[in-house]
Amino acid sequence: MTYPDPLVQSALSDLVAGVRLQLGERHDDFAEAAAMTRVRFSPRFRFFSTDGKRLLREWSGWLSPAELVAEIRIARGEDALQQVAYLEAVKEFDAALEVSPEGPAVAEILYQRGMAAFIAGNFDWPALRNDWQALIDRFPSSRWARHAEVIADAPE
Protein backbone atom coordinates (compact mmCIF):
# COMPACT_ATOMS: atom_id res chain seq x y z
CA MET A 1 0.00 0.00 0.00
CA THR A 2 1.50 3.29 -1.09
CA TYR A 3 -0.29 5.18 1.68
CA PRO A 4 -0.46 3.00 4.82
CA ASP A 5 -2.44 5.73 6.62
CA PRO A 6 -5.90 4.45 7.72
CA LEU A 7 -7.62 7.67 6.55
CA VAL A 8 -6.25 7.19 3.04
CA GLN A 9 -6.96 3.47 2.96
CA SER A 10 -10.57 4.11 3.97
CA ALA A 11 -11.01 6.88 1.37
CA LEU A 12 -9.48 4.79 -1.40
CA SER A 13 -11.69 1.81 -0.64
CA ASP A 14 -14.90 3.80 0.00
CA LEU A 15 -14.73 6.75 -2.40
CA VAL A 16 -12.91 5.79 -5.59
CA ALA A 17 -12.48 2.93 -8.01
CA GLY A 18 -8.73 2.74 -8.29
CA VAL A 19 -6.77 1.57 -11.30
CA ARG A 20 -3.14 0.71 -10.79
CA LEU A 21 -1.00 0.50 -13.90
CA GLN A 22 2.25 -1.42 -13.94
CA LEU A 23 4.50 0.72 -16.08
CA GLY A 24 6.98 -2.04 -16.86
CA GLU A 25 4.72 -4.97 -17.69
CA ARG A 26 1.35 -3.83 -18.99
CA HIS A 27 -1.26 -6.40 -19.83
CA ASP A 28 -2.89 -5.89 -23.24
CA ASP A 29 -6.27 -5.38 -21.54
CA PHE A 30 -4.97 -2.13 -20.04
CA ALA A 31 -3.40 -0.67 -23.19
CA GLU A 32 -6.23 1.82 -23.75
CA ALA A 33 -6.25 2.97 -20.11
CA ALA A 34 -2.48 3.30 -20.11
CA ALA A 35 -2.54 5.38 -23.29
CA MET A 36 -5.27 7.62 -21.86
CA THR A 37 -3.40 8.27 -18.61
CA ARG A 38 0.06 8.92 -20.08
CA VAL A 39 1.75 8.19 -16.78
CA ARG A 40 5.21 9.75 -16.88
CA PHE A 41 5.93 9.93 -13.17
CA SER A 42 4.77 7.89 -10.24
CA PRO A 43 2.78 8.41 -8.18
CA ARG A 44 0.40 10.16 -10.52
CA PHE A 45 -3.18 10.68 -9.50
CA ARG A 46 -5.92 11.29 -12.04
CA PHE A 47 -9.58 11.51 -11.16
CA PHE A 48 -12.12 11.05 -13.92
CA SER A 49 -15.84 11.74 -13.95
CA THR A 50 -18.12 8.86 -13.10
CA ASP A 51 -18.91 8.43 -16.79
CA GLY A 52 -15.16 8.17 -17.47
CA LYS A 53 -15.23 10.91 -20.10
CA ARG A 54 -13.78 13.93 -18.28
CA LEU A 55 -10.58 14.41 -16.33
CA LEU A 56 -11.55 16.20 -13.11
CA ARG A 57 -8.23 16.54 -11.27
CA GLU A 58 -4.66 15.35 -11.60
CA TRP A 59 -1.26 15.76 -10.04
CA SER A 60 2.03 13.96 -9.75
CA GLY A 61 3.92 13.47 -6.54
CA TRP A 62 3.15 12.88 -2.91
CA LEU A 63 0.52 14.58 -0.78
CA SER A 64 -0.10 14.31 2.92
CA PRO A 65 -2.90 11.86 3.77
CA ALA A 66 -5.31 14.70 4.60
CA GLU A 67 -4.53 16.52 1.35
CA LEU A 68 -4.98 13.34 -0.69
CA VAL A 69 -8.38 12.64 0.86
CA ALA A 70 -9.37 16.28 0.34
CA GLU A 71 -8.41 15.97 -3.35
CA ILE A 72 -10.60 12.87 -3.66
CA ARG A 73 -13.50 14.77 -2.08
CA ILE A 74 -12.95 17.78 -4.35
CA ALA A 75 -12.98 15.54 -7.42
CA ARG A 76 -16.22 13.95 -6.22
CA GLY A 77 -17.67 17.42 -5.62
CA GLU A 78 -16.70 18.53 -9.12
CA ASP A 79 -18.29 15.39 -10.54
CA ALA A 80 -21.49 16.06 -8.57
CA LEU A 81 -21.56 19.64 -9.93
CA GLN A 82 -21.33 18.33 -13.48
CA GLN A 83 -24.15 15.90 -12.74
CA VAL A 84 -26.31 18.77 -11.42
CA ALA A 85 -26.29 17.17 -7.95
CA TYR A 86 -25.58 20.42 -6.14
CA LEU A 87 -26.42 19.31 -2.59
CA GLU A 88 -24.17 16.28 -3.02
CA ALA A 89 -21.41 18.61 -4.23
CA VAL A 90 -21.81 20.76 -1.12
CA LYS A 91 -21.46 17.63 1.06
CA GLU A 92 -18.27 16.60 -0.74
CA PHE A 93 -16.76 20.08 -0.41
CA ASP A 94 -17.73 20.12 3.29
CA ALA A 95 -15.97 16.77 3.72
CA ALA A 96 -12.87 18.13 1.95
CA LEU A 97 -12.74 21.10 4.33
CA GLU A 98 -13.28 18.86 7.33
CA VAL A 99 -10.35 16.60 6.50
CA SER A 100 -7.97 19.40 5.42
CA PRO A 101 -9.19 22.73 6.88
CA GLU A 102 -5.86 24.48 6.34
CA GLY A 103 -4.72 22.66 3.21
CA PRO A 104 -3.61 24.19 -0.08
CA ALA A 105 -7.01 23.68 -1.75
CA VAL A 106 -9.15 25.61 0.77
CA ALA A 107 -9.59 28.66 -1.46
CA GLU A 108 -10.81 26.51 -4.33
CA ILE A 109 -13.10 24.53 -2.04
CA LEU A 110 -14.72 27.71 -0.70
CA TYR A 111 -15.29 28.96 -4.22
CA GLN A 112 -16.80 25.70 -5.46
CA ARG A 113 -18.88 25.10 -2.33
CA GLY A 114 -20.28 28.62 -2.47
CA MET A 115 -21.34 28.15 -6.08
CA ALA A 116 -22.88 24.74 -5.38
CA ALA A 117 -24.78 26.06 -2.35
CA PHE A 118 -25.94 29.09 -4.34
CA ILE A 119 -27.44 26.96 -7.09
CA ALA A 120 -28.78 24.29 -4.71
CA GLY A 121 -30.56 27.00 -2.73
CA ASN A 122 -32.36 28.39 -5.78
CA PHE A 123 -29.86 31.21 -6.15
CA ASP A 124 -29.51 31.92 -2.45
CA TRP A 125 -27.18 34.92 -2.30
CA PRO A 126 -26.30 34.59 1.42
CA ALA A 127 -25.02 31.04 0.86
CA LEU A 128 -22.76 32.26 -1.93
CA ARG A 129 -21.72 35.39 -0.07
CA ASN A 130 -20.66 33.46 3.07
CA ASP A 131 -18.15 31.28 1.27
CA TRP A 132 -16.95 33.80 -1.26
CA GLN A 133 -16.42 36.54 1.32
CA ALA A 134 -14.52 34.10 3.54
CA LEU A 135 -12.44 33.21 0.49
CA ILE A 136 -11.66 36.85 -0.27
CA ASP A 137 -10.85 37.58 3.38
CA ARG A 138 -8.59 34.53 3.89
CA PHE A 139 -6.95 34.27 0.47
CA PRO A 140 -7.07 37.76 -1.07
CA SER A 141 -4.27 37.17 -3.57
CA SER A 142 -5.53 33.81 -4.85
CA ARG A 143 -6.98 33.38 -8.31
CA TRP A 144 -10.15 32.08 -6.64
CA ALA A 145 -10.53 35.37 -4.75
CA ARG A 146 -10.22 37.26 -8.03
CA HIS A 147 -13.05 35.15 -9.45
CA ALA A 148 -15.15 35.74 -6.32
CA GLU A 149 -14.73 39.53 -6.26
CA VAL A 150 -17.98 39.89 -8.20
CA ILE A 151 -19.79 39.13 -4.94
CA ALA A 152 -19.36 42.81 -4.05
CA ASP A 153 -21.88 43.65 -6.80
CA ALA A 154 -24.38 40.93 -5.84
CA PRO A 155 -27.79 41.75 -4.37
CA GLU A 156 -28.12 41.70 -0.60
C-alpha atoms as a PDB file:
ATOM      1  CA  MET A   1       0.000   0.000   0.000  1.00  0.00           C
ATOM      2  CA  THR A   2       1.500   3.292  -1.089  1.00  0.00           C
ATOM      3  CA  TYR A   3      -0.288   5.180   1.682  1.00  0.00           C
ATOM      4  CA  PRO A   4      -0.464   3.003   4.821  1.00  0.00           C
ATOM      5  CA  ASP A   5      -2.440   5.728   6.620  1.00  0.00           C
ATOM      6  CA  PRO A   6      -5.903   4.455   7.724  1.00  0.00           C
ATOM      7  CA  LEU A   7      -7.620   7.670   6.550  1.00  0.00           C
ATOM      8  CA  VAL A   8      -6.248   7.194   3.039  1.00  0.00           C
ATOM      9  CA  GLN A   9      -6.965   3.471   2.958  1.00  0.00           C
ATOM     10  CA  SER A  10     -10.570   4.114   3.972  1.00  0.00           C
ATOM     11  CA  ALA A  11     -11.007   6.875   1.374  1.00  0.00           C
ATOM     12  CA  LEU A  12      -9.478   4.793  -1.401  1.00  0.00           C
ATOM     13  CA  SER A  13     -11.695   1.810  -0.639  1.00  0.00           C
ATOM     14  CA  ASP A  14     -14.901   3.800   0.000  1.00  0.00           C
ATOM     15  CA  LEU A  15     -14.729   6.749  -2.397  1.00  0.00           C
ATOM     16  CA  VAL A  16     -12.906   5.791  -5.594  1.00  0.00           C
ATOM     17  CA  ALA A  17     -12.475   2.934  -8.013  1.00  0.00           C
ATOM     18  CA  GLY A  18      -8.727   2.737  -8.289  1.00  0.00           C
ATOM     19  CA  VAL A  19      -6.774   1.567 -11.297  1.00  0.00           C
ATOM     20  CA  ARG A  20      -3.137   0.707 -10.792  1.00  0.00           C
ATOM     21  CA  LEU A  21      -1.003   0.497 -13.898  1.00  0.00           C
ATOM     22  CA  GLN A  22       2.245  -1.418 -13.935  1.00  0.00           C
ATOM     23  CA  LEU A  23       4.497   0.721 -16.077  1.00  0.00           C
ATOM     24  CA  GLY A  24       6.980  -2.037 -16.860  1.00  0.00           C
ATOM     25  CA  GLU A  25       4.717  -4.967 -17.692  1.00  0.00           C
ATOM     26  CA  ARG A  26       1.351  -3.833 -18.987  1.00  0.00           C
ATOM     27  CA  HIS A  27      -1.255  -6.403 -19.832  1.00  0.00           C
ATOM     28  CA  ASP A  28      -2.892  -5.886 -23.237  1.00  0.00           C
ATOM     29  CA  ASP A  29      -6.272  -5.377 -21.539  1.00  0.00           C
ATOM     30  CA  PHE A  30      -4.969  -2.132 -20.043  1.00  0.00           C
ATOM     31  CA  ALA A  31      -3.400  -0.671 -23.189  1.00  0.00           C
ATOM     32  CA  GLU A  32      -6.232   1.823 -23.745  1.00  0.00           C
ATOM     33  CA  ALA A  33      -6.249   2.965 -20.113  1.00  0.00           C
ATOM     34  CA  ALA A  34      -2.480   3.304 -20.106  1.00  0.00           C
ATOM     35  CA  ALA A  35      -2.540   5.382 -23.289  1.00  0.00           C
ATOM     36  CA  MET A  36      -5.265   7.619 -21.864  1.00  0.00           C
ATOM     37  CA  THR A  37      -3.403   8.269 -18.609  1.00  0.00           C
ATOM     38  CA  ARG A  38       0.061   8.920 -20.081  1.00  0.00           C
ATOM     39  CA  VAL A  39       1.748   8.192 -16.778  1.00  0.00           C
ATOM     40  CA  ARG A  40       5.210   9.753 -16.876  1.00  0.00           C
ATOM     41  CA  PHE A  41       5.932   9.931 -13.171  1.00  0.00           C
ATOM     42  CA  SER A  42       4.767   7.890 -10.243  1.00  0.00           C
ATOM     43  CA  PRO A  43       2.783   8.414  -8.184  1.00  0.00           C
ATOM     44  CA  ARG A  44       0.400  10.160 -10.519  1.00  0.00           C
ATOM     45  CA  PHE A  45      -3.184  10.682  -9.504  1.00  0.00           C
ATOM     46  CA  ARG A  46      -5.919  11.292 -12.040  1.00  0.00           C
ATOM     47  CA  PHE A  47      -9.583  11.510 -11.158  1.00  0.00           C
ATOM     48  CA  PHE A  48     -12.118  11.049 -13.922  1.00  0.00           C
ATOM     49  CA  SER A  49     -15.840  11.743 -13.952  1.00  0.00           C
ATOM     50  CA  THR A  50     -18.125   8.856 -13.095  1.00  0.00           C
ATOM     51  CA  ASP A  51     -18.907   8.430 -16.791  1.00  0.00           C
ATOM     52  CA  GLY A  52     -15.156   8.168 -17.469  1.00  0.00           C
ATOM     53  CA  LYS A  53     -15.226  10.911 -20.101  1.00  0.00           C
ATOM     54  CA  ARG A  54     -13.782  13.928 -18.276  1.00  0.00           C
ATOM     55  CA  LEU A  55     -10.585  14.410 -16.330  1.00  0.00           C
ATOM     56  CA  LEU A  56     -11.548  16.197 -13.115  1.00  0.00           C
ATOM     57  CA  ARG A  57      -8.231  16.543 -11.271  1.00  0.00           C
ATOM     58  CA  GLU A  58      -4.662  15.349 -11.595  1.00  0.00           C
ATOM     59  CA  TRP A  59      -1.261  15.758 -10.036  1.00  0.00           C
ATOM     60  CA  SER A  60       2.032  13.959  -9.745  1.00  0.00           C
ATOM     61  CA  GLY A  61       3.919  13.466  -6.536  1.00  0.00           C
ATOM     62  CA  TRP A  62       3.151  12.878  -2.910  1.00  0.00           C
ATOM     63  CA  LEU A  63       0.522  14.578  -0.781  1.00  0.00           C
ATOM     64  CA  SER A  64      -0.099  14.307   2.923  1.00  0.00           C
ATOM     65  CA  PRO A  65      -2.895  11.863   3.769  1.00  0.00           C
ATOM     66  CA  ALA A  66      -5.308  14.701   4.602  1.00  0.00           C
ATOM     67  CA  GLU A  67      -4.532  16.523   1.346  1.00  0.00           C
ATOM     68  CA  LEU A  68      -4.980  13.340  -0.689  1.00  0.00           C
ATOM     69  CA  VAL A  69      -8.378  12.635   0.864  1.00  0.00           C
ATOM     70  CA  ALA A  70      -9.370  16.284   0.341  1.00  0.00           C
ATOM     71  CA  GLU A  71      -8.415  15.971  -3.346  1.00  0.00           C
ATOM     72  CA  ILE A  72     -10.595  12.874  -3.659  1.00  0.00           C
ATOM     73  CA  ARG A  73     -13.499  14.775  -2.084  1.00  0.00           C
ATOM     74  CA  ILE A  74     -12.947  17.783  -4.351  1.00  0.00           C
ATOM     75  CA  ALA A  75     -12.985  15.541  -7.423  1.00  0.00           C
ATOM     76  CA  ARG A  76     -16.215  13.947  -6.217  1.00  0.00           C
ATOM     77  CA  GLY A  77     -17.672  17.421  -5.622  1.00  0.00           C
ATOM     78  CA  GLU A  78     -16.705  18.533  -9.123  1.00  0.00           C
ATOM     79  CA  ASP A  79     -18.291  15.392 -10.539  1.00  0.00           C
ATOM     80  CA  ALA A  80     -21.488  16.060  -8.574  1.00  0.00           C
ATOM     81  CA  LEU A  81     -21.559  19.636  -9.930  1.00  0.00           C
ATOM     82  CA  GLN A  82     -21.333  18.328 -13.481  1.00  0.00           C
ATOM     83  CA  GLN A  83     -24.151  15.897 -12.738  1.00  0.00           C
ATOM     84  CA  VAL A  84     -26.315  18.770 -11.423  1.00  0.00           C
ATOM     85  CA  ALA A  85     -26.287  17.169  -7.952  1.00  0.00           C
ATOM     86  CA  TYR A  86     -25.579  20.423  -6.137  1.00  0.00           C
ATOM     87  CA  LEU A  87     -26.417  19.307  -2.587  1.00  0.00           C
ATOM     88  CA  GLU A  88     -24.170  16.279  -3.016  1.00  0.00           C
ATOM     89  CA  ALA A  89     -21.415  18.606  -4.232  1.00  0.00           C
ATOM     90  CA  VAL A  90     -21.814  20.763  -1.116  1.00  0.00           C
ATOM     91  CA  LYS A  91     -21.461  17.632   1.056  1.00  0.00           C
ATOM     92  CA  GLU A  92     -18.270  16.604  -0.740  1.00  0.00           C
ATOM     93  CA  PHE A  93     -16.759  20.085  -0.408  1.00  0.00           C
ATOM     94  CA  ASP A  94     -17.733  20.124   3.290  1.00  0.00           C
ATOM     95  CA  ALA A  95     -15.966  16.774   3.721  1.00  0.00           C
ATOM     96  CA  ALA A  96     -12.868  18.133   1.947  1.00  0.00           C
ATOM     97  CA  LEU A  97     -12.738  21.099   4.330  1.00  0.00           C
ATOM     98  CA  GLU A  98     -13.284  18.857   7.330  1.00  0.00           C
ATOM     99  CA  VAL A  99     -10.346  16.603   6.499  1.00  0.00           C
ATOM    100  CA  SER A 100      -7.969  19.400   5.416  1.00  0.00           C
ATOM    101  CA  PRO A 101      -9.187  22.725   6.880  1.00  0.00           C
ATOM    102  CA  GLU A 102      -5.861  24.485   6.335  1.00  0.00           C
ATOM    103  CA  GLY A 103      -4.718  22.655   3.206  1.00  0.00           C
ATOM    104  CA  PRO A 104      -3.612  24.188  -0.082  1.00  0.00           C
ATOM    105  CA  ALA A 105      -7.011  23.681  -1.750  1.00  0.00           C
ATOM    106  CA  VAL A 106      -9.148  25.606   0.772  1.00  0.00           C
ATOM    107  CA  ALA A 107      -9.589  28.663  -1.462  1.00  0.00           C
ATOM    108  CA  GLU A 108     -10.806  26.511  -4.332  1.00  0.00           C
ATOM    109  CA  ILE A 109     -13.103  24.526  -2.042  1.00  0.00           C
ATOM    110  CA  LEU A 110     -14.716  27.709  -0.699  1.00  0.00           C
ATOM    111  CA  TYR A 111     -15.287  28.963  -4.224  1.00  0.00           C
ATOM    112  CA  GLN A 112     -16.799  25.701  -5.461  1.00  0.00           C
ATOM    113  CA  ARG A 113     -18.877  25.096  -2.326  1.00  0.00           C
ATOM    114  CA  GLY A 114     -20.277  28.616  -2.467  1.00  0.00           C
ATOM    115  CA  MET A 115     -21.336  28.151  -6.081  1.00  0.00           C
ATOM    116  CA  ALA A 116     -22.881  24.737  -5.382  1.00  0.00           C
ATOM    117  CA  ALA A 117     -24.782  26.063  -2.347  1.00  0.00           C
ATOM    118  CA  PHE A 118     -25.941  29.093  -4.337  1.00  0.00           C
ATOM    119  CA  ILE A 119     -27.443  26.963  -7.088  1.00  0.00           C
ATOM    120  CA  ALA A 120     -28.782  24.285  -4.712  1.00  0.00           C
ATOM    121  CA  GLY A 121     -30.558  27.004  -2.728  1.00  0.00           C
ATOM    122  CA  ASN A 122     -32.358  28.389  -5.782  1.00  0.00           C
ATOM    123  CA  PHE A 123     -29.859  31.214  -6.154  1.00  0.00           C
ATOM    124  CA  ASP A 124     -29.508  31.924  -2.450  1.00  0.00           C
ATOM    125  CA  TRP A 125     -27.179  34.916  -2.304  1.00  0.00           C
ATOM    126  CA  PRO A 126     -26.300  34.593   1.418  1.00  0.00           C
ATOM    127  CA  ALA A 127     -25.020  31.040   0.857  1.00  0.00           C
ATOM    128  CA  LEU A 128     -22.762  32.265  -1.929  1.00  0.00           C
ATOM    129  CA  ARG A 129     -21.723  35.393  -0.071  1.00  0.00           C
ATOM    130  CA  ASN A 130     -20.663  33.460   3.069  1.00  0.00           C
ATOM    131  CA  ASP A 131     -18.145  31.280   1.266  1.00  0.00           C
ATOM    132  CA  TRP A 132     -16.954  33.801  -1.260  1.00  0.00           C
ATOM    133  CA  GLN A 133     -16.422  36.543   1.318  1.00  0.00           C
ATOM    134  CA  ALA A 134     -14.520  34.101   3.540  1.00  0.00           C
ATOM    135  CA  LEU A 135     -12.443  33.205   0.487  1.00  0.00           C
ATOM    136  CA  ILE A 136     -11.659  36.852  -0.269  1.00  0.00           C
ATOM    137  CA  ASP A 137     -10.847  37.578   3.380  1.00  0.00           C
ATOM    138  CA  ARG A 138      -8.587  34.531   3.892  1.00  0.00           C
ATOM    139  CA  PHE A 139      -6.952  34.268   0.467  1.00  0.00           C
ATOM    140  CA  PRO A 140      -7.071  37.756  -1.067  1.00  0.00           C
ATOM    141  CA  SER A 141      -4.268  37.172  -3.568  1.00  0.00           C
ATOM    142  CA  SER A 142      -5.525  33.811  -4.853  1.00  0.00           C
ATOM    143  CA  ARG A 143      -6.982  33.375  -8.308  1.00  0.00           C
ATOM    144  CA  TRP A 144     -10.148  32.076  -6.642  1.00  0.00           C
ATOM    145  CA  ALA A 145     -10.528  35.367  -4.752  1.00  0.00           C
ATOM    146  CA  ARG A 146     -10.223  37.259  -8.027  1.00  0.00           C
ATOM    147  CA  HIS A 147     -13.052  35.147  -9.448  1.00  0.00           C
ATOM    148  CA  ALA A 148     -15.149  35.742  -6.318  1.00  0.00           C
ATOM    149  CA  GLU A 149     -14.731  39.532  -6.265  1.00  0.00           C
ATOM    150  CA  VAL A 150     -17.979  39.892  -8.203  1.00  0.00           C
ATOM    151  CA  ILE A 151     -19.788  39.131  -4.940  1.00  0.00           C
ATOM    152  CA  ALA A 152     -19.361  42.814  -4.048  1.00  0.00           C
ATOM    153  CA  ASP A 153     -21.879  43.650  -6.796  1.00  0.00           C
ATOM    154  CA  ALA A 154     -24.378  40.934  -5.837  1.00  0.00           C
ATOM    155  CA  PRO A 155     -27.790  41.745  -4.369  1.00  0.00           C
ATOM    156  CA  GLU A 156     -28.116  41.701  -0.604  1.00  0.00           C
END
